Amino acid sequence: MVRPLFDTNILIDYLNAIPAAAEELDRYESAAISIITWMEVLAGAAPDVVDATRRFLAGFQIVPLQAAIAEKAVQIRRAHRIRLPDAIIWATAATNSMLLVTRNTKEFPASSPDVRIPCVLATVTDRSPPSAG
């Protein structure tokens, strides 16, 4: 089985108790994250959960940024015009022959053979208050 590299949104969903994210993490015996994902998750953690978040992240192989990844990220950024952090995450997966697991369909094409979109969160389109009565 190919090794997964989890995108930031899957980990955040897991930490927010989204069942689909937990199911996805459970599919794999071992998993990795980019150093970018590590930074994004920790930067977004509330002060009271930073220690628990660090313990959670310690369960992943953290792939550091290397020259080959940086070079591939530049190519991806130019070809797809996505944000640089997303290009680095995708390049990390591609350079290490990993499957990028994400729910970010805006930046990462589901049609790409090295990208897996296991779920998409429903968005709330009607934010009007319920009618009384």
N, C-alpha and C. Protein backbone atom coordinates (compact mmCIF):
# COMPACT_ATOMS: atom_id res chain seq x y z
N MET A 1 0.85 -1.19 0.00
CA MET A 1 0.00 0.00 0.00
C MET A 1 0.89 1.25 0.00
N VAL A 2 0.49 2.23 -0.76
CA VAL A 2 1.23 3.48 -0.84
C VAL A 2 1.13 4.22 0.50
N ARG A 3 2.19 4.91 0.84
CA ARG A 3 2.19 5.67 2.10
C ARG A 3 1.49 7.01 1.90
N PRO A 4 0.65 7.38 2.85
CA PRO A 4 -0.05 8.66 2.74
C PRO A 4 0.74 9.82 3.34
N LEU A 5 0.53 10.98 2.76
CA LEU A 5 0.99 12.24 3.35
C LEU A 5 -0.28 13.05 3.57
N PHE A 6 -0.61 13.30 4.83
CA PHE A 6 -1.85 13.99 5.14
C PHE A 6 -1.70 15.49 5.04
N ASP A 7 -2.68 16.12 4.41
CA ASP A 7 -2.74 17.57 4.32
C ASP A 7 -3.28 18.12 5.64
N THR A 8 -3.04 19.38 5.85
CA THR A 8 -3.42 20.05 7.09
C THR A 8 -4.90 19.89 7.42
N ASN A 9 -5.76 20.04 6.43
CA ASN A 9 -7.20 20.02 6.72
C ASN A 9 -7.68 18.68 7.26
N ILE A 10 -7.07 17.59 6.86
CA ILE A 10 -7.47 16.28 7.39
C ILE A 10 -7.13 16.20 8.88
N LEU A 11 -5.95 16.70 9.25
CA LEU A 11 -5.56 16.66 10.67
C LEU A 11 -6.43 17.59 11.51
N ILE A 12 -6.73 18.76 10.99
CA ILE A 12 -7.59 19.69 11.72
C ILE A 12 -8.99 19.08 11.89
N ASP A 13 -9.49 18.45 10.84
CA ASP A 13 -10.79 17.77 10.94
C ASP A 13 -10.74 16.69 12.02
N TYR A 14 -9.66 15.92 12.06
CA TYR A 14 -9.52 14.88 13.08
C TYR A 14 -9.55 15.50 14.48
N LEU A 15 -8.78 16.56 14.65
CA LEU A 15 -8.73 17.23 15.96
C LEU A 15 -10.07 17.84 16.34
N ASN A 16 -10.89 18.14 15.34
CA ASN A 16 -12.24 18.67 15.59
C ASN A 16 -13.29 17.56 15.62
N ALA A 17 -12.84 16.32 15.73
CA ALA A 17 -13.71 15.14 15.87
C ALA A 17 -14.64 14.91 14.69
N ILE A 18 -14.15 15.17 13.49
CA ILE A 18 -14.91 14.86 12.28
C ILE A 18 -14.71 13.37 11.98
N PRO A 19 -15.78 12.57 12.00
CA PRO A 19 -15.63 11.12 11.83
C PRO A 19 -14.91 10.70 10.55
N ALA A 20 -15.18 11.37 9.44
CA ALA A 20 -14.55 10.99 8.17
C ALA A 20 -13.03 11.11 8.25
N ALA A 21 -12.54 12.09 8.98
CA ALA A 21 -11.08 12.26 9.13
C ALA A 21 -10.50 11.13 9.97
N ALA A 22 -11.19 10.76 11.03
CA ALA A 22 -10.72 9.65 11.87
C ALA A 22 -10.70 8.35 11.07
N GLU A 23 -11.73 8.13 10.26
CA GLU A 23 -11.77 6.93 9.42
C GLU A 23 -10.61 6.92 8.44
N GLU A 24 -10.29 8.07 7.89
CA GLU A 24 -9.19 8.14 6.91
C GLU A 24 -7.85 7.86 7.58
N LEU A 25 -7.62 8.45 8.74
CA LEU A 25 -6.37 8.19 9.46
C LEU A 25 -6.24 6.72 9.83
N ASP A 26 -7.35 6.08 10.16
CA ASP A 26 -7.34 4.67 10.55
C ASP A 26 -7.05 3.72 9.39
N ARG A 27 -7.17 4.19 8.17
CA ARG A 27 -6.93 3.34 6.99
C ARG A 27 -5.48 2.92 6.84
N TYR A 28 -4.57 3.65 7.44
CA TYR A 28 -3.14 3.46 7.17
C TYR A 28 -2.38 3.07 8.43
N GLU A 29 -1.41 2.17 8.25
CA GLU A 29 -0.58 1.74 9.38
C GLU A 29 0.41 2.83 9.78
N SER A 30 0.95 3.50 8.79
CA SER A 30 1.89 4.59 9.08
C SER A 30 1.56 5.75 8.16
N ALA A 31 1.89 6.94 8.61
CA ALA A 31 1.55 8.12 7.83
C ALA A 31 2.58 9.21 8.08
N ALA A 32 2.59 10.14 7.15
CA ALA A 32 3.54 11.24 7.24
C ALA A 32 2.81 12.56 7.02
N ILE A 33 3.48 13.63 7.44
CA ILE A 33 3.01 14.99 7.17
C ILE A 33 4.22 15.82 6.77
N SER A 34 3.96 16.84 6.01
CA SER A 34 4.99 17.81 5.65
C SER A 34 5.29 18.69 6.87
N ILE A 35 6.48 19.21 6.93
CA ILE A 35 6.82 20.17 7.98
C ILE A 35 5.88 21.38 7.90
N ILE A 36 5.38 21.68 6.71
CA ILE A 36 4.42 22.79 6.55
C ILE A 36 3.12 22.46 7.29
N THR A 37 2.64 21.24 7.14
CA THR A 37 1.43 20.82 7.87
C THR A 37 1.66 20.89 9.37
N TRP A 38 2.81 20.41 9.82
CA TRP A 38 3.15 20.47 11.24
C TRP A 38 3.04 21.91 11.75
N MET A 39 3.62 22.85 10.99
CA MET A 39 3.59 24.27 11.39
C MET A 39 2.17 24.82 11.37
N GLU A 40 1.41 24.52 10.31
CA GLU A 40 0.06 25.05 10.20
C GLU A 40 -0.84 24.55 11.33
N VAL A 41 -0.75 23.27 11.65
CA VAL A 41 -1.59 22.72 12.72
C VAL A 41 -1.22 23.33 14.06
N LEU A 42 0.07 23.41 14.36
CA LEU A 42 0.48 24.00 15.64
C LEU A 42 0.16 25.49 15.72
N ALA A 43 0.33 26.20 14.63
CA ALA A 43 0.04 27.64 14.63
C ALA A 43 -1.44 27.90 14.89
N GLY A 44 -2.31 26.98 14.47
CA GLY A 44 -3.74 27.16 14.66
C GLY A 44 -4.28 26.59 15.95
N ALA A 45 -3.44 25.91 16.72
CA ALA A 45 -3.90 25.28 17.96
C ALA A 45 -4.10 26.32 19.05
N ALA A 46 -5.20 26.19 19.76
CA ALA A 46 -5.45 27.08 20.90
C ALA A 46 -4.41 26.81 21.98
N PRO A 47 -4.04 27.83 22.76
CA PRO A 47 -2.99 27.66 23.77
C PRO A 47 -3.23 26.49 24.73
N ASP A 48 -4.48 26.23 25.07
CA ASP A 48 -4.77 25.15 26.02
C ASP A 48 -4.65 23.75 25.44
N VAL A 49 -4.47 23.63 24.12
CA VAL A 49 -4.33 22.30 23.51
C VAL A 49 -3.02 22.10 22.75
N VAL A 50 -2.10 23.04 22.90
CA VAL A 50 -0.83 22.94 22.17
C VAL A 50 -0.07 21.67 22.55
N ASP A 51 0.02 21.36 23.83
CA ASP A 51 0.75 20.16 24.25
C ASP A 51 0.11 18.89 23.69
N ALA A 52 -1.19 18.79 23.77
CA ALA A 52 -1.90 17.62 23.22
C ALA A 52 -1.72 17.54 21.70
N THR A 53 -1.73 18.69 21.05
CA THR A 53 -1.55 18.73 19.60
C THR A 53 -0.14 18.27 19.23
N ARG A 54 0.86 18.69 19.99
CA ARG A 54 2.23 18.23 19.75
C ARG A 54 2.33 16.71 19.90
N ARG A 55 1.68 16.17 20.90
CA ARG A 55 1.70 14.71 21.10
C ARG A 55 1.03 14.00 19.92
N PHE A 56 -0.07 14.54 19.45
CA PHE A 56 -0.76 13.98 18.29
C PHE A 56 0.16 14.00 17.06
N LEU A 57 0.79 15.12 16.81
CA LEU A 57 1.66 15.26 15.63
C LEU A 57 2.89 14.37 15.72
N ALA A 58 3.32 14.05 16.93
CA ALA A 58 4.50 13.19 17.10
C ALA A 58 4.25 11.78 16.57
N GLY A 59 3.01 11.42 16.34
CA GLY A 59 2.68 10.11 15.80
C GLY A 59 2.88 9.99 14.30
N PHE A 60 3.26 11.08 13.66
CA PHE A 60 3.48 11.09 12.21
C PHE A 60 4.97 11.24 11.91
N GLN A 61 5.39 10.67 10.78
CA GLN A 61 6.72 10.99 10.27
C GLN A 61 6.62 12.41 9.73
N ILE A 62 7.49 13.29 10.17
CA ILE A 62 7.48 14.67 9.70
C ILE A 62 8.56 14.80 8.63
N VAL A 63 8.14 15.10 7.41
CA VAL A 63 9.06 15.18 6.28
C VAL A 63 9.57 16.62 6.18
N PRO A 64 10.88 16.82 6.34
CA PRO A 64 11.44 18.17 6.29
C PRO A 64 11.50 18.71 4.86
N LEU A 65 11.62 20.00 4.77
CA LEU A 65 11.78 20.65 3.47
C LEU A 65 13.20 20.45 2.99
N GLN A 66 13.35 19.91 1.79
CA GLN A 66 14.66 19.68 1.20
C GLN A 66 14.70 20.33 -0.17
N ALA A 67 15.89 20.44 -0.75
CA ALA A 67 16.06 21.11 -2.04
C ALA A 67 15.19 20.49 -3.13
N ALA A 68 15.11 19.17 -3.19
CA ALA A 68 14.31 18.51 -4.23
C ALA A 68 12.83 18.85 -4.07
N ILE A 69 12.37 18.93 -2.83
CA ILE A 69 10.97 19.29 -2.57
C ILE A 69 10.74 20.75 -2.97
N ALA A 70 11.67 21.62 -2.62
CA ALA A 70 11.54 23.03 -2.97
C ALA A 70 11.49 23.22 -4.49
N GLU A 71 12.33 22.51 -5.20
CA GLU A 71 12.35 22.60 -6.67
C GLU A 71 11.02 22.13 -7.26
N LYS A 72 10.51 21.02 -6.76
CA LYS A 72 9.23 20.49 -7.24
C LYS A 72 8.09 21.45 -6.88
N ALA A 73 8.16 22.07 -5.71
CA ALA A 73 7.13 23.02 -5.29
C ALA A 73 7.07 24.22 -6.24
N VAL A 74 8.22 24.68 -6.68
CA VAL A 74 8.26 25.79 -7.64
C VAL A 74 7.57 25.37 -8.94
N GLN A 75 7.85 24.16 -9.41
CA GLN A 75 7.21 23.66 -10.64
C GLN A 75 5.69 23.57 -10.47
N ILE A 76 5.26 23.02 -9.34
CA ILE A 76 3.83 22.88 -9.07
C ILE A 76 3.17 24.25 -8.96
N ARG A 77 3.79 25.16 -8.26
CA ARG A 77 3.25 26.52 -8.08
C ARG A 77 3.06 27.20 -9.42
N ARG A 78 4.05 27.07 -10.29
CA ARG A 78 3.95 27.70 -11.61
C ARG A 78 2.88 27.03 -12.48
N ALA A 79 2.79 25.72 -12.41
CA ALA A 79 1.84 24.99 -13.25
C ALA A 79 0.39 25.14 -12.79
N HIS A 80 0.18 25.20 -11.49
CA HIS A 80 -1.18 25.18 -10.96
C HIS A 80 -1.62 26.47 -10.28
N ARG A 81 -0.71 27.41 -10.09
CA ARG A 81 -1.03 28.71 -9.47
C ARG A 81 -1.72 28.54 -8.12
N ILE A 82 -1.20 27.63 -7.30
CA ILE A 82 -1.75 27.44 -5.96
C ILE A 82 -0.84 28.13 -4.95
N ARG A 83 -1.34 28.27 -3.73
CA ARG A 83 -0.55 28.91 -2.68
C ARG A 83 0.73 28.11 -2.45
N LEU A 84 1.80 28.81 -2.13
CA LEU A 84 3.09 28.16 -1.95
C LEU A 84 3.07 27.07 -0.88
N PRO A 85 2.45 27.29 0.31
CA PRO A 85 2.42 26.19 1.28
C PRO A 85 1.76 24.92 0.72
N ASP A 86 0.68 25.09 -0.05
CA ASP A 86 0.03 23.93 -0.66
C ASP A 86 0.93 23.28 -1.70
N ALA A 87 1.64 24.09 -2.46
CA ALA A 87 2.59 23.54 -3.44
C ALA A 87 3.69 22.74 -2.75
N ILE A 88 4.15 23.23 -1.61
CA ILE A 88 5.20 22.51 -0.86
C ILE A 88 4.65 21.18 -0.34
N ILE A 89 3.44 21.18 0.17
CA ILE A 89 2.84 19.95 0.68
C ILE A 89 2.68 18.94 -0.46
N TRP A 90 2.16 19.38 -1.60
CA TRP A 90 1.99 18.49 -2.75
C TRP A 90 3.36 17.99 -3.24
N ALA A 91 4.33 18.87 -3.29
CA ALA A 91 5.68 18.49 -3.72
C ALA A 91 6.31 17.49 -2.76
N THR A 92 6.03 17.64 -1.48
CA THR A 92 6.55 16.69 -0.49
C THR A 92 6.03 15.29 -0.79
N ALA A 93 4.74 15.19 -1.07
CA ALA A 93 4.15 13.89 -1.42
C ALA A 93 4.74 13.37 -2.72
N ALA A 94 4.79 14.20 -3.74
CA ALA A 94 5.26 13.76 -5.06
C ALA A 94 6.72 13.33 -5.03
N THR A 95 7.56 14.09 -4.35
CA THR A 95 8.99 13.80 -4.30
C THR A 95 9.27 12.51 -3.55
N ASN A 96 8.42 12.17 -2.60
CA ASN A 96 8.62 10.97 -1.78
C ASN A 96 7.72 9.81 -2.19
N SER A 97 7.10 9.91 -3.37
CA SER A 97 6.20 8.86 -3.89
C SER A 97 5.11 8.50 -2.89
N MET A 98 4.51 9.53 -2.32
CA MET A 98 3.43 9.35 -1.35
C MET A 98 2.11 9.80 -1.96
N LEU A 99 1.03 9.34 -1.37
CA LEU A 99 -0.31 9.74 -1.76
C LEU A 99 -0.73 10.93 -0.91
N LEU A 100 -1.04 12.05 -1.53
CA LEU A 100 -1.50 13.22 -0.79
C LEU A 100 -2.97 13.03 -0.44
N VAL A 101 -3.28 13.00 0.84
CA VAL A 101 -4.65 12.82 1.32
C VAL A 101 -5.14 14.18 1.82
N THR A 102 -6.17 14.70 1.19
CA THR A 102 -6.67 16.04 1.48
C THR A 102 -8.16 16.10 1.19
N ARG A 103 -8.80 17.14 1.66
CA ARG A 103 -10.16 17.43 1.20
C ARG A 103 -10.20 18.77 0.47
N ASN A 104 -9.02 19.29 0.16
CA ASN A 104 -8.90 20.57 -0.52
C ASN A 104 -9.01 20.37 -2.03
N THR A 105 -10.23 20.44 -2.53
CA THR A 105 -10.45 20.25 -3.96
C THR A 105 -10.16 21.51 -4.77
N LYS A 106 -10.00 22.62 -4.11
CA LYS A 106 -9.68 23.87 -4.82
C LYS A 106 -8.23 23.85 -5.29
N GLU A 107 -7.31 23.45 -4.42
CA GLU A 107 -5.89 23.46 -4.74
C GLU A 107 -5.40 22.16 -5.38
N PHE A 108 -6.00 21.04 -5.00
CA PHE A 108 -5.50 19.74 -5.44
C PHE A 108 -6.55 19.02 -6.28
N PRO A 109 -6.24 18.71 -7.54
CA PRO A 109 -7.23 18.06 -8.40
C PRO A 109 -7.47 16.60 -8.01
N ALA A 110 -8.73 16.27 -7.80
CA ALA A 110 -9.08 14.89 -7.45
C ALA A 110 -8.73 13.92 -8.57
N SER A 111 -8.60 14.43 -9.78
CA SER A 111 -8.26 13.58 -10.93
C SER A 111 -6.80 13.17 -10.96
N SER A 112 -5.98 13.79 -10.15
CA SER A 112 -4.56 13.46 -10.12
C SER A 112 -4.37 12.11 -9.43
N PRO A 113 -3.58 11.21 -10.02
CA PRO A 113 -3.42 9.88 -9.42
C PRO A 113 -2.68 9.88 -8.08
N ASP A 114 -1.98 10.96 -7.75
CA ASP A 114 -1.25 11.02 -6.48
C ASP A 114 -1.99 11.83 -5.42
N VAL A 115 -3.28 12.09 -5.65
CA VAL A 115 -4.10 12.86 -4.71
C VAL A 115 -5.34 12.04 -4.37
N ARG A 116 -5.65 11.95 -3.08
CA ARG A 116 -6.88 11.28 -2.63
C ARG A 116 -7.74 12.28 -1.88
N ILE A 117 -8.99 12.40 -2.30
CA ILE A 117 -9.97 13.26 -1.64
C ILE A 117 -10.99 12.33 -0.98
N PRO A 118 -10.79 11.99 0.30
CA PRO A 118 -11.68 11.01 0.93
C PRO A 118 -13.04 11.57 1.32
N CYS A 119 -13.12 12.89 1.49
CA CYS A 119 -14.38 13.49 1.92
C CYS A 119 -14.35 14.98 1.60
N VAL A 120 -15.52 15.54 1.55
CA VAL A 120 -15.67 16.99 1.39
C VAL A 120 -16.69 17.42 2.42
N LEU A 121 -16.34 18.40 3.23
CA LEU A 121 -17.29 18.87 4.24
C LEU A 121 -18.38 19.68 3.57
N ALA A 122 -19.59 19.45 4.00
CA ALA A 122 -20.72 20.22 3.49
C ALA A 122 -20.59 21.66 3.98
N THR A 123 -20.95 22.57 3.13
CA THR A 123 -20.91 23.98 3.52
C THR A 123 -22.33 24.47 3.77
N VAL A 124 -22.44 25.40 4.66
CA VAL A 124 -23.73 25.99 4.96
C VAL A 124 -23.93 27.16 4.01
N THR A 125 -24.96 27.07 3.19
CA THR A 125 -25.20 28.14 2.22
C THR A 125 -26.30 29.09 2.69
N ASP A 126 -27.23 28.61 3.47
CA ASP A 126 -28.30 29.46 3.96
C ASP A 126 -28.03 29.79 5.42
N ARG A 127 -27.62 31.01 5.68
CA ARG A 127 -27.29 31.41 7.04
C ARG A 127 -28.39 32.28 7.67
N SER A 128 -29.55 32.28 7.05
CA SER A 128 -30.64 33.08 7.62
C SER A 128 -31.18 32.38 8.86
N PRO A 129 -31.64 33.17 9.84
CA PRO A 129 -32.17 32.57 11.07
C PRO A 129 -33.45 31.81 10.77
N PRO A 130 -33.72 30.77 11.55
CA PRO A 130 -34.97 30.03 11.34
C PRO A 130 -36.17 30.93 11.60
N SER A 131 -37.23 30.67 10.87
CA SER A 131 -38.43 31.50 11.06
C SER A 131 -39.15 31.11 12.34
N ALA A 132 -39.69 32.10 12.99
CA ALA A 132 -40.45 31.85 14.23
C ALA A 132 -41.86 31.43 13.83
N GLY A 133 -42.39 30.55 14.58
CA GLY A 133 -43.76 30.27 14.27
C GLY A 133 -44.13 28.91 14.31
